Amino acid sequence: MIGRLGDLWQYSPPAFWLVLAACLYFAVMAVRLTIIDVRHHLLPNRIVFPAYAVAGVLLLAAAAVAWASPVQAPVDSTAGILAVPALRILAGAGILWLFYFILRFIYPAGMGFGDVKLAGVLGLYLGYLGWGHLFAGTFLAFLLGGLWSLALLAARRGTLKSSIPFGPFMLAGTAAAMLLPA
């Protein structure tokens, strides 16, 4: 996201400010949700649902402003229709939501529906960045959650039946992917 912000500043300053606002919103949302999920194993709808609207509007507006800019950043013309940023944002949200929904459907005790709802929001951000970021953010969430679980087992602070809040790892994986180069 940092590299993308630099490109946006050069090619479309209004899009830069929209993406920066989306990033700041993400940071505030991530801190709030992490604290609540760690304490209560809950991702409240009153925070997650508005995030769809705020992130969606900011990122889609940034994509539209950058696209309408007289000077545009180079685009990979071989990537097809899903290379269009606005479609990638929406597809990223849908794909990540569906992936987590399938995981929840397969093993309901393993994941709460709050994680599924949060996945759509994170898909907006990762979809904006690209398909590689969508994969990386998802992979990093499971990697970080798995490493934490192993650490709990090794320290004998948890068992194989222990539940951990997964939202913080989803948010951390997304934040880490947002720092990856474009």
Protein backbone atom coordinates (compact mmCIF):
# COMPACT_ATOMS: atom_id res chain seq x y z
CA MET A 1 0.00 0.00 0.00
CA ILE A 2 2.94 2.29 0.69
CA GLY A 3 4.20 1.94 -2.88
CA ARG A 4 0.69 2.42 -4.21
CA LEU A 5 0.34 5.62 -2.18
CA GLY A 6 3.54 6.96 -3.74
CA ASP A 7 2.23 6.19 -7.22
CA LEU A 8 -1.12 7.80 -6.43
CA TRP A 9 0.56 10.94 -5.14
CA GLN A 10 2.41 11.20 -8.45
CA TYR A 11 -0.50 10.36 -10.77
CA SER A 12 -3.64 11.38 -8.84
CA PRO A 13 -3.39 13.33 -5.57
CA PRO A 14 -7.18 13.13 -4.87
CA ALA A 15 -6.97 9.32 -5.06
CA PHE A 16 -3.98 9.46 -2.72
CA TRP A 17 -6.04 11.23 -0.06
CA LEU A 18 -8.93 8.79 -0.45
CA VAL A 19 -6.66 5.77 -0.04
CA LEU A 20 -4.87 7.40 2.88
CA ALA A 21 -8.25 7.97 4.56
CA ALA A 22 -9.13 4.30 3.92
CA CYS A 23 -5.82 3.22 5.49
CA LEU A 24 -6.36 5.39 8.56
CA TYR A 25 -9.88 3.99 8.92
CA PHE A 26 -8.43 0.48 8.65
CA ALA A 27 -5.92 1.21 11.41
CA VAL A 28 -8.58 2.52 13.81
CA MET A 29 -10.96 -0.34 12.98
CA ALA A 30 -8.19 -2.93 13.38
CA VAL A 31 -7.19 -1.69 16.82
CA ARG A 32 -10.80 -1.57 18.05
CA LEU A 33 -11.66 -5.01 16.69
CA THR A 34 -8.46 -6.59 17.98
CA ILE A 35 -9.07 -5.36 21.52
CA ILE A 36 -12.70 -6.49 21.50
CA ASP A 37 -11.96 -9.87 19.92
CA VAL A 38 -9.11 -10.66 22.33
CA ARG A 39 -11.24 -9.74 25.35
CA HIS A 40 -14.63 -11.13 24.29
CA HIS A 41 -14.10 -13.41 21.25
CA LEU A 42 -16.50 -11.16 19.35
CA LEU A 43 -16.34 -8.99 16.23
CA PRO A 44 -19.28 -6.60 16.70
CA ASN A 45 -21.58 -5.86 13.76
CA ARG A 46 -21.70 -2.21 14.86
CA ILE A 47 -18.05 -1.93 13.78
CA VAL A 48 -17.83 -4.46 10.93
CA PHE A 49 -20.95 -3.48 8.96
CA PRO A 50 -20.15 0.25 8.68
CA ALA A 51 -16.64 -0.73 7.57
CA TYR A 52 -18.11 -2.17 4.36
CA ALA A 53 -19.60 1.21 3.50
CA VAL A 54 -16.67 3.37 4.59
CA ALA A 55 -13.92 1.23 3.04
CA GLY A 56 -16.01 0.47 -0.04
CA VAL A 57 -16.81 4.12 -0.75
CA LEU A 58 -13.25 5.34 -0.10
CA LEU A 59 -11.53 2.61 -2.13
CA LEU A 60 -14.02 2.63 -5.01
CA ALA A 61 -13.86 6.44 -5.15
CA ALA A 62 -10.06 6.27 -5.18
CA ALA A 63 -10.17 3.73 -8.02
CA ALA A 64 -12.62 5.90 -9.98
CA VAL A 65 -10.64 9.11 -9.42
CA ALA A 66 -7.37 7.42 -10.40
CA TRP A 67 -9.01 5.92 -13.48
CA ALA A 68 -10.46 9.29 -14.54
CA SER A 69 -7.16 11.07 -13.89
CA PRO A 70 -5.61 12.64 -17.02
CA VAL A 71 -2.28 11.01 -16.16
CA GLN A 72 -2.64 7.36 -15.15
CA ALA A 73 -0.23 4.87 -13.73
CA PRO A 74 0.73 2.06 -16.12
CA VAL A 75 -1.77 -0.82 -16.18
CA ASP A 76 -1.18 -4.46 -17.11
CA SER A 77 -3.40 -4.77 -20.20
CA THR A 78 -3.02 -8.56 -20.34
CA ALA A 79 -4.81 -9.14 -17.01
CA GLY A 80 -8.33 -8.82 -18.46
CA ILE A 81 -11.45 -7.32 -16.95
CA LEU A 82 -10.56 -8.23 -13.37
CA ALA A 83 -7.55 -5.93 -13.64
CA VAL A 84 -10.02 -3.03 -13.42
CA PRO A 85 -9.50 -1.80 -9.85
CA ALA A 86 -13.19 -1.25 -9.02
CA LEU A 87 -14.07 -4.79 -10.10
CA ARG A 88 -11.07 -6.20 -8.27
CA ILE A 89 -12.16 -4.45 -5.06
CA LEU A 90 -15.64 -5.95 -5.23
CA ALA A 91 -14.39 -9.36 -6.36
CA GLY A 92 -11.79 -9.40 -3.57
CA ALA A 93 -14.51 -8.79 -0.98
CA GLY A 94 -16.75 -11.47 -2.45
CA ILE A 95 -14.01 -14.07 -2.85
CA LEU A 96 -12.63 -13.64 0.65
CA TRP A 97 -16.12 -13.63 2.21
CA LEU A 98 -17.02 -16.81 0.31
CA PHE A 99 -13.74 -18.53 1.27
CA TYR A 100 -14.30 -17.86 4.98
CA PHE A 101 -17.98 -18.79 4.65
CA ILE A 102 -17.01 -22.18 3.21
CA LEU A 103 -14.54 -22.71 6.06
CA ARG A 104 -17.28 -21.84 8.55
CA PHE A 105 -19.73 -24.17 6.79
CA ILE A 106 -17.26 -27.08 6.80
CA TYR A 107 -16.29 -26.70 10.47
CA PRO A 108 -18.57 -24.28 12.37
CA ALA A 109 -16.79 -24.76 15.70
CA GLY A 110 -13.51 -23.62 14.14
CA MET A 111 -14.56 -20.14 13.07
CA GLY A 112 -17.19 -17.64 14.09
CA PHE A 113 -19.46 -15.84 11.66
CA GLY A 114 -17.89 -12.54 12.74
CA ASP A 115 -14.71 -13.72 11.02
CA VAL A 116 -16.70 -14.36 7.85
CA LYS A 117 -18.20 -10.87 7.94
CA LEU A 118 -14.81 -9.29 8.61
CA ALA A 119 -13.30 -11.21 5.69
CA GLY A 120 -15.43 -9.25 3.22
CA VAL A 121 -14.12 -5.94 4.55
CA LEU A 122 -10.53 -7.15 4.40
CA GLY A 123 -11.18 -8.38 0.86
CA LEU A 124 -12.02 -4.80 -0.15
CA TYR A 125 -8.59 -3.60 0.95
CA LEU A 126 -6.67 -6.57 -0.41
CA GLY A 127 -8.65 -6.56 -3.66
CA TYR A 128 -7.73 -2.93 -4.17
CA LEU A 129 -4.07 -3.89 -4.00
CA GLY A 130 -4.30 -6.94 -6.27
CA TRP A 131 -4.69 -10.70 -6.40
CA GLY A 132 -1.26 -11.40 -4.96
CA HIS A 133 -2.05 -9.26 -1.94
CA LEU A 134 -5.39 -11.04 -1.48
CA PHE A 135 -3.60 -14.38 -1.37
CA ALA A 136 -0.76 -13.05 0.82
CA GLY A 137 -3.09 -11.46 3.37
CA THR A 138 -5.13 -14.64 3.68
CA PHE A 139 -2.05 -16.83 3.93
CA LEU A 140 -0.43 -14.57 6.53
CA ALA A 141 -3.58 -14.63 8.68
CA PHE A 142 -3.52 -18.42 8.86
CA LEU A 143 0.25 -18.50 9.31
CA LEU A 144 0.17 -16.04 12.20
CA GLY A 145 -2.81 -17.77 13.82
CA GLY A 146 -1.11 -21.15 13.49
CA LEU A 147 2.16 -19.90 14.95
CA TRP A 148 0.30 -18.36 17.88
CA SER A 149 -1.54 -21.64 18.48
CA LEU A 150 1.74 -23.56 18.41
CA ALA A 151 3.25 -21.09 20.89
CA LEU A 152 0.28 -21.60 23.22
CA LEU A 153 0.66 -25.37 22.96
CA ALA A 154 4.42 -25.22 23.55
CA ALA A 155 3.95 -22.98 26.59
CA ARG A 156 1.19 -25.31 27.86
CA ARG A 157 -1.21 -22.37 28.00
CA GLY A 158 -3.63 -24.05 25.64
CA THR A 159 -4.72 -27.42 24.28
CA LEU A 160 -5.84 -28.68 20.89
CA LYS A 161 -9.41 -27.85 21.99
CA SER A 162 -8.61 -24.26 22.99
CA SER A 163 -10.20 -21.50 20.97
CA ILE A 164 -8.34 -18.39 19.94
CA PRO A 165 -9.81 -15.19 18.53
CA PHE A 166 -8.94 -15.26 14.82
CA GLY A 167 -9.93 -11.68 13.96
CA PRO A 168 -6.65 -10.17 15.19
CA PHE A 169 -4.71 -12.55 12.94
CA MET A 170 -6.92 -11.70 9.97
CA LEU A 171 -6.30 -8.01 10.60
CA ALA A 172 -2.56 -8.52 11.13
CA GLY A 173 -2.28 -10.61 7.95
CA THR A 174 -4.07 -7.91 5.98
CA ALA A 175 -1.92 -5.15 7.50
CA ALA A 176 1.24 -7.11 6.67
CA ALA A 177 0.05 -7.68 3.09
CA MET A 178 -0.72 -3.97 2.77
CA LEU A 179 2.95 -3.28 3.47
CA LEU A 180 4.14 -5.60 0.69
CA PRO A 181 5.32 -3.94 -2.54
CA ALA A 182 2.86 -3.76 -5.40
